Protein backbone atom coordinates (compact mmCIF):
# COMPACT_ATOMS: atom_id res chain seq x y z
CA UNK A 1 -17.28 -15.47 -42.69
CA UNK A 2 -16.70 -11.51 -41.74
CA UNK A 3 -17.41 -10.65 -45.32
CA UNK A 4 -19.46 -11.94 -48.63
CA UNK A 5 -16.71 -12.17 -51.85
CA UNK A 6 -18.20 -12.21 -54.77
CA UNK A 7 -16.66 -12.53 -58.12
CA UNK A 8 -19.74 -11.70 -60.51
CA UNK A 9 -19.86 -13.79 -63.33
CA UNK A 10 -20.94 -12.66 -66.43
CA UNK A 11 -23.18 -13.01 -69.26
CA UNK A 12 -21.99 -12.11 -72.86
CA UNK A 13 -25.10 -10.02 -73.99
CA UNK A 14 -25.92 -9.63 -77.65
CA UNK A 15 -26.21 -5.78 -78.83
CA UNK A 16 -29.34 -4.70 -80.44
CA UNK A 17 -30.20 -2.22 -83.30
CA UNK A 18 -34.25 -1.63 -83.15
CA UNK A 19 -34.70 -4.50 -81.49
CA UNK A 20 -32.33 -6.71 -83.64
CA UNK A 21 -29.55 -8.39 -83.47
CA UNK A 22 -25.87 -6.52 -84.47
CA UNK A 23 -23.42 -7.91 -86.50
CA UNK A 24 -20.95 -9.02 -83.93
CA UNK A 25 -17.56 -6.15 -84.09
CA UNK A 26 -14.30 -8.08 -85.52
CA UNK A 27 -11.22 -8.12 -83.36
CA UNK A 28 -10.08 -5.59 -85.41
CA UNK A 29 -12.70 -3.51 -85.73
CA UNK A 30 -12.92 -3.49 -82.09
CA UNK A 31 -9.56 -2.55 -81.57
CA UNK A 32 -10.64 1.01 -83.36
CA UNK A 33 -14.00 0.98 -81.68
CA UNK A 34 -11.54 1.04 -78.32
CA UNK A 35 -8.56 3.02 -79.13
CA UNK A 36 -11.37 6.10 -80.53
CA UNK A 37 -13.12 5.94 -76.93
CA UNK A 38 -9.49 6.14 -75.06
CA UNK A 39 -9.03 9.12 -77.40
CA UNK A 40 -12.33 11.15 -76.73
CA UNK A 41 -11.94 10.27 -73.26
CA UNK A 42 -8.21 12.15 -73.23
CA UNK A 43 -9.57 14.82 -75.58
CA UNK A 44 -12.81 15.63 -73.10
CA UNK A 45 -9.79 16.08 -70.11
CA UNK A 46 -7.47 17.23 -72.04
CA UNK A 47 -5.02 15.09 -71.92
CA UNK A 48 -2.37 15.58 -74.73
CA UNK A 49 -1.09 12.83 -77.30
CA UNK A 50 2.69 12.87 -75.64
CA UNK A 51 2.96 13.44 -71.83
CA UNK A 52 5.86 15.87 -70.57
CA UNK A 53 9.12 14.62 -69.95
CA UNK A 54 9.62 13.09 -66.66
CA UNK A 55 12.39 15.33 -65.41
CA UNK A 56 12.44 12.96 -62.32
CA UNK A 57 14.68 13.81 -59.81
CA UNK A 58 15.68 12.19 -56.49
CA UNK A 59 16.41 14.65 -53.77
CA UNK A 60 17.59 12.59 -51.03
CA UNK A 61 16.43 9.46 -49.49
CA UNK A 62 16.28 7.79 -45.67
CA UNK A 63 15.02 4.54 -43.90
CA UNK A 64 11.91 4.80 -41.84
CA UNK A 65 12.12 1.36 -40.99
CA UNK A 66 14.11 -1.87 -40.77
CA UNK A 67 14.61 -3.29 -44.48
CA UNK A 68 13.19 -0.40 -46.36
CA UNK A 69 14.28 2.98 -47.73
CA UNK A 70 12.20 5.86 -48.76
CA UNK A 71 13.02 8.25 -51.89
CA UNK A 72 12.31 11.55 -51.71
CA UNK A 73 11.40 12.46 -55.69
CA UNK A 74 9.97 14.95 -57.89
CA UNK A 75 8.59 14.95 -61.42
CA UNK A 76 6.82 16.70 -64.21
CA UNK A 77 2.63 16.71 -65.04
CA UNK A 78 1.18 19.18 -66.81
CA UNK A 79 1.54 22.33 -67.73
CA UNK A 80 5.37 22.56 -66.60
CA UNK A 81 4.03 21.53 -63.14
CA UNK A 82 6.08 18.97 -60.81
CA UNK A 83 4.76 16.55 -58.32
CA UNK A 84 6.83 15.75 -54.91
CA UNK A 85 6.64 12.05 -54.04
CA UNK A 86 7.83 9.44 -51.67
CA UNK A 87 9.12 6.35 -53.31
CA UNK A 88 9.61 3.10 -51.35
CA UNK A 89 11.79 0.40 -51.95
CA UNK A 90 13.50 -2.55 -49.79
CA UNK A 91 16.37 -2.70 -48.90
CA UNK A 92 17.49 -5.87 -50.19
CA UNK A 93 15.84 -7.92 -52.96
CA UNK A 94 16.05 -10.69 -56.11
CA UNK A 95 15.40 -9.87 -59.84
CA UNK A 96 12.92 -7.32 -60.67
CA UNK A 97 10.68 -5.34 -58.54
CA UNK A 98 6.55 -4.79 -59.85
CA UNK A 99 5.87 -1.35 -59.20
CA UNK A 100 2.39 0.19 -57.14
CA UNK A 101 1.12 3.68 -57.10
CA UNK A 102 -0.96 4.82 -54.40
CA UNK A 103 -3.60 6.98 -55.55
CA UNK A 104 -5.44 8.95 -53.09
CA UNK A 105 -8.87 9.97 -51.60
CA UNK A 106 -10.12 13.65 -51.45
CA UNK A 107 -8.06 15.85 -49.00
CA UNK A 108 -5.57 12.86 -49.05
CA UNK A 109 -1.63 13.18 -49.50
CA UNK A 110 1.46 11.32 -49.17
CA UNK A 111 1.48 12.43 -45.88
CA UNK A 112 -2.01 10.20 -45.20
CA UNK A 113 -1.55 6.78 -43.03
CA UNK A 114 -2.50 4.58 -45.63
CA UNK A 115 -0.02 6.15 -47.95
CA UNK A 116 3.29 6.04 -46.10
CA UNK A 117 1.61 2.19 -44.49
CA UNK A 118 1.00 1.09 -48.09
CA UNK A 119 4.61 2.25 -49.15
CA UNK A 120 6.56 0.56 -45.88
CA UNK A 121 4.16 -2.72 -46.38
CA UNK A 122 4.09 -3.07 -50.19
CA UNK A 123 7.99 -2.24 -50.03
CA UNK A 124 8.62 -4.94 -47.49
CA UNK A 125 6.47 -7.57 -49.73
CA UNK A 126 9.12 -6.67 -52.48
CA UNK A 127 8.29 -4.21 -54.76
CA UNK A 128 8.12 0.12 -55.60
CA UNK A 129 5.95 2.46 -54.21
CA UNK A 130 4.73 5.60 -55.47
CA UNK A 131 3.01 8.07 -53.11
CA UNK A 132 2.83 11.93 -54.14
CA UNK A 133 0.92 15.16 -53.46
CA UNK A 134 -2.38 16.22 -55.56
CA UNK A 135 -2.82 19.13 -56.46
CA UNK A 136 -3.74 21.61 -54.15
CA UNK A 137 -2.58 18.83 -51.27
CA UNK A 138 0.83 18.48 -49.31
CA UNK A 139 4.42 20.63 -51.16
CA UNK A 140 1.03 20.88 -53.65
CA UNK A 141 -0.53 23.67 -51.14
CA UNK A 142 0.35 27.16 -50.65
CA UNK A 143 0.66 26.84 -47.74
CA UNK A 144 1.69 22.88 -47.35
CA UNK A 145 -1.03 21.63 -45.61
CA UNK A 146 -2.88 18.23 -45.94
CA UNK A 147 -6.65 18.23 -46.45
CA UNK A 148 -7.17 21.55 -47.62
CA UNK A 149 -8.81 21.05 -50.62
CA UNK A 150 -7.55 23.93 -52.32
CA UNK A 151 -9.38 22.26 -55.63
CA UNK A 152 -12.31 22.23 -54.71
CA UNK A 153 -14.02 25.63 -55.43
CA UNK A 154 -15.53 26.00 -58.08
CA UNK A 155 -14.10 28.44 -61.10
CA UNK A 156 -16.80 29.40 -63.80
CA UNK A 157 -14.65 29.41 -67.36
CA UNK A 158 -15.26 32.36 -69.55
CA UNK A 159 -18.08 32.70 -72.22
CA UNK A 160 -18.59 30.09 -74.60
CA UNK A 161 -16.70 27.09 -72.44
CA UNK A 162 -19.00 24.84 -71.10
CA UNK A 163 -19.34 24.83 -67.05
CA UNK A 164 -17.54 21.72 -66.63
CA UNK A 165 -14.61 23.12 -68.75
CA UNK A 166 -12.45 23.81 -65.23
CA UNK A 167 -13.16 20.29 -63.84
CA UNK A 168 -12.62 19.00 -67.11
CA UNK A 169 -8.45 20.61 -67.04
CA UNK A 170 -8.28 19.81 -63.38
CA UNK A 171 -9.67 15.91 -63.70
CA UNK A 172 -7.02 15.84 -66.73
CA UNK A 173 -3.75 17.13 -64.64
CA UNK A 174 -4.99 14.44 -62.05
CA UNK A 175 -4.96 11.67 -64.32
CA UNK A 176 -1.53 12.61 -66.07
CA UNK A 177 -0.33 12.97 -62.08
CA UNK A 178 -0.90 9.05 -61.92
CA UNK A 179 0.37 8.58 -65.92
CA UNK A 180 3.43 10.02 -64.73
CA UNK A 181 4.03 8.19 -61.44
CA UNK A 182 3.42 4.66 -63.93
CA UNK A 183 6.13 6.10 -66.51
CA UNK A 184 8.37 6.66 -63.76
CA UNK A 185 8.05 3.60 -61.93
CA UNK A 186 8.79 1.77 -65.85
CA UNK A 187 11.76 3.72 -66.54
CA UNK A 188 13.31 2.47 -63.03
CA UNK A 189 16.06 -0.27 -64.02
CA UNK A 190 14.73 -2.14 -60.64
CA UNK A 191 11.07 -2.14 -61.75
CA UNK A 192 10.08 -4.80 -64.37
CA UNK A 193 7.37 -2.67 -66.34
CA UNK A 194 5.19 -5.97 -66.90
CA UNK A 195 4.02 -5.57 -63.31
CA UNK A 196 3.02 -1.81 -62.54
CA UNK A 197 -0.33 -1.79 -60.42
CA UNK A 198 -2.09 1.38 -59.18
CA UNK A 199 -4.36 0.95 -55.74
CA UNK A 200 -7.19 3.90 -55.61
CA UNK A 201 -9.23 5.11 -52.85
CA UNK A 202 -12.37 6.96 -52.79
CA UNK A 203 -11.57 9.90 -55.03
CA UNK A 204 -8.47 8.19 -56.19
CA UNK A 205 -10.65 5.25 -57.33
CA UNK A 206 -12.42 7.74 -59.56
CA UNK A 207 -9.30 8.89 -61.13
CA UNK A 208 -7.18 5.05 -60.97
CA UNK A 209 -9.93 4.07 -62.88
CA UNK A 210 -10.47 6.19 -65.66
CA UNK A 211 -6.58 6.26 -65.65
CA UNK A 212 -6.58 1.92 -66.12
CA UNK A 213 -9.30 3.00 -68.98
CA UNK A 214 -6.20 4.89 -71.16
CA UNK A 215 -3.17 4.50 -70.03
CA UNK A 216 -2.02 0.59 -71.39
CA UNK A 217 1.45 0.92 -69.37
CA UNK A 218 -0.67 -0.42 -66.30
CA UNK A 219 -1.04 -3.86 -65.76
CA UNK A 220 -3.34 -4.68 -62.81
CA UNK A 221 -5.75 -1.93 -61.03
CA UNK A 222 -7.49 -2.23 -57.59
CA UNK A 223 -10.87 0.45 -56.38
CA UNK A 224 -11.28 0.61 -53.17
CA UNK A 225 -14.36 2.58 -51.99
CA UNK A 226 -15.64 3.20 -55.55
CA UNK A 227 -15.74 1.54 -58.99
CA UNK A 228 -19.56 3.25 -58.97
CA UNK A 229 -19.53 4.51 -62.84
CA UNK A 230 -22.89 4.93 -63.54
CA UNK A 231 -23.59 4.92 -67.41
CA UNK A 232 -26.04 6.65 -68.98
CA UNK A 233 -28.31 8.41 -66.97
CA UNK A 234 -27.00 10.36 -64.14
CA UNK A 235 -26.02 9.11 -61.07
CA UNK A 236 -23.47 8.89 -58.02
CA UNK A 237 -20.37 10.98 -59.79
CA UNK A 238 -22.73 13.32 -62.17
CA UNK A 239 -24.31 14.56 -58.89
CA UNK A 240 -21.20 15.36 -56.86
CA UNK A 241 -20.24 18.91 -56.55
CA UNK A 242 -16.39 18.86 -56.85
CA UNK A 243 -14.86 19.99 -59.78
CA UNK A 244 -12.47 16.95 -59.82
CA UNK A 245 -15.07 15.10 -60.53
CA UNK A 246 -18.50 15.62 -61.35
CA UNK A 247 -17.92 17.94 -64.21
CA UNK A 248 -15.27 15.39 -65.60
CA UNK A 249 -17.67 12.55 -65.75
CA UNK A 250 -20.95 14.34 -66.94
CA UNK A 251 -18.26 15.45 -69.96
CA UNK A 252 -18.05 11.48 -70.57
CA UNK A 253 -21.63 11.43 -71.46
CA UNK A 254 -20.29 11.86 -75.18
CA UNK A 255 -19.76 8.11 -74.71
CA UNK A 256 -23.02 6.43 -74.05
CA UNK A 257 -22.82 3.65 -71.65
CA UNK A 258 -19.93 5.56 -69.69
CA UNK A 259 -19.82 2.81 -67.07
CA UNK A 260 -19.61 -0.21 -69.25
CA UNK A 261 -17.36 1.66 -71.71
CA UNK A 262 -14.14 2.27 -68.98
CA UNK A 263 -14.52 -1.32 -67.41
CA UNK A 264 -14.11 -2.53 -71.36
CA UNK A 265 -11.46 -0.42 -71.54
CA UNK A 266 -9.43 -1.81 -68.26
CA UNK A 267 -9.98 -5.11 -68.98
CA UNK A 268 -8.29 -4.54 -72.44
CA UNK A 269 -5.42 -3.49 -70.22
CA UNK A 270 -5.33 -6.14 -67.73
CA UNK A 271 -7.16 -7.40 -64.17
CA UNK A 272 -9.31 -5.08 -62.00
CA UNK A 273 -10.34 -5.73 -58.48
CA UNK A 274 -13.19 -3.35 -57.07
CA UNK A 275 -13.29 -3.77 -53.16
CA UNK A 276 -16.68 -2.49 -51.42
CA UNK A 277 -17.87 -1.81 -48.17
CA UNK A 278 -21.50 -2.60 -47.97
CA UNK A 279 -22.41 -0.19 -45.53
CA UNK A 280 -19.94 2.98 -47.96
CA UNK A 281 -22.70 5.93 -47.62
CA UNK A 282 -19.67 8.15 -48.92
CA UNK A 283 -19.92 6.27 -52.34
CA UNK A 284 -23.56 5.12 -52.35
CA UNK A 285 -22.75 1.68 -52.51
CA UNK A 286 -26.17 1.02 -50.78
CA UNK A 287 -27.42 1.99 -54.16
CA UNK A 288 -24.71 0.41 -56.00
CA UNK A 289 -24.36 -2.80 -54.85
CA UNK A 290 -23.53 -6.59 -56.10
CA UNK A 291 -26.49 -6.37 -58.39
CA UNK A 292 -25.66 -2.98 -59.46
CA UNK A 293 -22.00 -4.28 -60.15
CA UNK A 294 -22.96 -7.27 -62.29
CA UNK A 295 -25.26 -5.68 -64.28
CA UNK A 296 -22.28 -3.03 -65.27
CA UNK A 297 -20.38 -5.91 -65.87
CA UNK A 298 -22.60 -7.85 -68.36
CA UNK A 299 -22.87 -4.83 -70.03
CA UNK A 300 -18.89 -4.27 -70.41
CA UNK A 301 -18.41 -8.12 -71.52
CA UNK A 302 -21.51 -7.13 -74.42
CA UNK A 303 -19.31 -4.73 -75.47
CA UNK A 304 -15.70 -6.96 -75.43
CA UNK A 305 -17.52 -9.72 -76.23
CA UNK A 306 -15.73 -11.65 -74.07
CA UNK A 307 -15.24 -11.72 -70.09
CA UNK A 308 -11.87 -11.91 -70.01
CA UNK A 309 -9.72 -9.74 -67.68
CA UNK A 310 -12.77 -8.26 -66.65
CA UNK A 311 -12.85 -6.74 -63.12
CA UNK A 312 -13.78 -8.91 -59.77
CA UNK A 313 -15.41 -7.45 -56.72
CA UNK A 314 -15.76 -8.66 -53.24
CA UNK A 315 -18.26 -7.22 -50.70
CA UNK A 316 -17.67 -6.40 -47.15
CA UNK A 317 -21.17 -6.39 -45.11
CA UNK A 318 -21.18 -3.95 -42.48
CA UNK A 319 -18.67 -1.74 -43.31
CA UNK A 320 -18.34 1.58 -44.61
CA UNK A 321 -15.67 3.20 -46.26
CA UNK A 322 -12.13 2.15 -46.42
CA UNK A 323 -8.30 1.60 -47.92
CA UNK A 324 -8.94 -2.39 -47.97
CA UNK A 325 -6.30 -2.95 -50.29
CA UNK A 326 -3.63 -3.32 -47.37
CA UNK A 327 -6.09 -6.10 -45.85
CA UNK A 328 -4.95 -9.47 -47.19
CA UNK A 329 -7.34 -9.76 -49.62
CA UNK A 330 -5.62 -6.68 -51.50
CA UNK A 331 -2.72 -8.18 -50.81
CA UNK A 332 -3.08 -11.56 -52.06
CA UNK A 333 -4.76 -10.04 -55.12
CA UNK A 334 -1.83 -7.78 -55.79
CA UNK A 335 0.70 -10.79 -55.37
CA UNK A 336 -1.42 -13.12 -57.89
CA UNK A 337 -1.20 -9.98 -60.36
CA UNK A 338 2.11 -8.15 -59.90
CA UNK A 339 4.50 -11.17 -57.52
CA UNK A 340 6.00 -9.48 -54.83
CA UNK A 341 9.69 -10.19 -55.26
CA UNK A 342 10.07 -10.57 -51.33
CA UNK A 343 7.03 -12.67 -49.90
CA UNK A 344 5.41 -15.40 -50.97
CA UNK A 345 1.83 -16.23 -51.85
CA UNK A 346 2.15 -18.47 -48.56
CA UNK A 347 3.79 -15.80 -46.12
CA UNK A 348 1.01 -13.73 -47.31
CA UNK A 349 -1.50 -16.02 -45.82
CA UNK A 350 0.85 -16.19 -42.62
CA UNK A 351 1.76 -12.83 -41.89
CA UNK A 352 0.10 -11.13 -38.57
CA UNK A 353 -2.27 -8.04 -38.96
CA UNK A 354 -1.97 -4.33 -37.24
CA UNK A 355 -5.53 -3.28 -36.19
CA UNK A 356 -5.42 0.17 -37.33
CA UNK A 357 -7.10 2.41 -34.91
CA UNK A 358 -4.79 0.51 -32.32
CA UNK A 359 -1.47 0.96 -33.94
CA UNK A 360 -2.94 4.85 -34.67
CA UNK A 361 -3.36 5.87 -31.72
CA UNK A 362 0.02 4.07 -30.28
CA UNK A 363 2.05 5.34 -32.89
CA UNK A 364 0.76 9.32 -32.93
CA UNK A 365 -0.79 8.94 -36.27
CA UNK A 366 -3.63 11.53 -37.15
CA UNK A 367 -7.09 9.92 -38.17
CA UNK A 368 -9.93 11.89 -38.69
CA UNK A 369 -11.92 10.69 -35.79
CA UNK A 370 -14.83 10.44 -38.22
CA UNK A 371 -12.51 7.65 -40.31
CA UNK A 372 -10.98 6.60 -36.53
CA UNK A 373 -14.52 4.30 -36.87
CA UNK A 374 -14.59 0.69 -36.53
CA UNK A 375 -16.49 -0.05 -39.47
CA UNK A 376 -14.24 2.96 -41.62
CA UNK A 377 -10.42 2.99 -41.96
CA UNK A 378 -9.66 2.89 -37.74
CA UNK A 379 -11.27 -0.93 -38.22
CA UNK A 380 -9.26 -2.38 -41.02
CA UNK A 381 -6.79 -4.97 -39.60
CA UNK A 382 -3.66 -4.53 -42.60
CA UNK A 383 -1.16 -6.83 -42.80
CA UNK A 384 1.76 -6.18 -41.39
CA UNK A 385 3.29 -5.46 -37.79
CA UNK A 386 6.14 -3.19 -36.59
CA UNK A 387 5.43 0.04 -38.92
CA UNK A 388 6.46 2.81 -37.29
CA UNK A 389 4.33 6.46 -37.65
CA UNK A 390 6.46 8.79 -39.95
CA UNK A 391 7.14 11.88 -38.85
CA UNK A 392 5.72 14.77 -41.54
CA UNK A 393 8.88 16.74 -41.96
CA UNK A 394 10.96 13.11 -43.30
CA UNK A 395 7.80 13.05 -45.53
CA UNK A 396 8.29 16.62 -47.10
CA UNK A 397 10.48 16.26 -50.08
CA UNK A 398 11.84 19.65 -50.58
CA UNK A 399 14.05 21.49 -48.77
CA UNK A 400 11.95 25.12 -47.76
CA UNK A 401 14.48 27.20 -49.69
CA UNK A 402 14.01 25.09 -52.69
CA UNK A 403 10.11 24.53 -52.78
CA UNK A 404 10.07 28.69 -51.95
CA UNK A 405 12.08 28.98 -55.20
CA UNK A 406 9.76 26.47 -57.35
CA UNK A 407 6.97 27.00 -55.75
CA UNK A 408 5.37 28.39 -58.90
CA UNK A 409 5.93 24.69 -60.23
CA UNK A 410 4.17 23.26 -57.38
CA UNK A 411 1.23 24.89 -56.43
CA UNK A 412 -2.73 25.14 -57.01
CA UNK A 413 -2.64 28.48 -57.23
CA UNK A 414 0.06 28.66 -59.88
CA UNK A 415 -1.83 25.98 -61.71
CA UNK A 416 -5.01 27.86 -61.83
CA UNK A 417 -3.62 30.82 -63.49
CA UNK A 418 -2.16 28.48 -66.11
CA UNK A 419 -5.64 26.61 -66.33
CA UNK A 420 -7.61 30.00 -66.81
CA UNK A 421 -4.92 31.75 -69.35
CA UNK A 422 -5.82 28.61 -71.33
CA UNK A 423 -9.24 28.99 -71.20
CA UNK A 424 -9.19 32.20 -72.26
CA UNK A 425 -7.07 31.49 -75.69
CA UNK A 426 -9.26 29.31 -76.04
CA UNK A 427 -12.15 31.57 -76.52
CA UNK A 428 -10.20 34.17 -78.50
């Protein structure tokens, strides 16, 4: 077998106080506690109790391949900012569609190969799929560049606020980007709002794992290349130098056993699948392997009092960092959770695959040399065949003139001015 698949079985542990077993919480007490955790997370990340109005707009559409329609869409996020997105759907289907939100890794956006490949793949399978530009990337970059990393610069807040404050606000914006994408799918009449999933890669796994803990609209969450939420002691994300990861995770120390709590809250919401390569040094998986996840899972079960809904895992020996949700394991798991409209489980089992490095070269699709490696994205055998490389111009949502008119609601630089003004107001 090419991989080792582990469905980690947890053991319910009795909580202890001063070495003695604590009285188990009632269902109501547990619900109150869990809602308190959710509100604490939202407060630490500046996520308001009421999210902004969507103000969703479809600008135009095109067909990237036979049977698939792609819509150019915008929706509103925090601070009056706007998110450009490409929304993929099948041309024909019966009944209601499930929905999927693709949450990119660091430097990724709707132009990334796995974003548009996922859009076409899942649309063919029978789903509506949102791919979008994170703040500072793609059409939310002042130069419309990808892999720009505009938000990577540390910004020191005014005196009187913790140094993590800027990162907390930045992470909150990223959380709301996802929550609004979920809300967008939920209000589409073609979508069954009970069958919405999010799939996150690398930094996207960090984001959507937290989103799943606080947004009950999401039914299923799949993390690829990540999920290593450390507990009380400082760990991988605490040491991360990016403002969007280190500071917000440090701010969640107020919770206590952060990792177990995040996983317990996700189990309250619904199913979760964590996919990792055992050789993934990007996410420090060699130090967060099967035993680490088993221990975290057991602590989460102890908090929740049951293993119902608790996450399961798959580990791939010899494999590094990649978007495994496009492989057969990922698609099969999603089918079990959200039920594609056009593909059955048997059709997914029989569907041929595309080797990504071969496909990228043949279709002039950009993947960086470091990620074209066989142990990373280039080595993926992604489900489906016949997918084109979509031209960058086709994935632009806004015409140039409209983008220039709206850029104050799009770019990182504009958001940064608003965030700094909010920090200054907070210390007055």
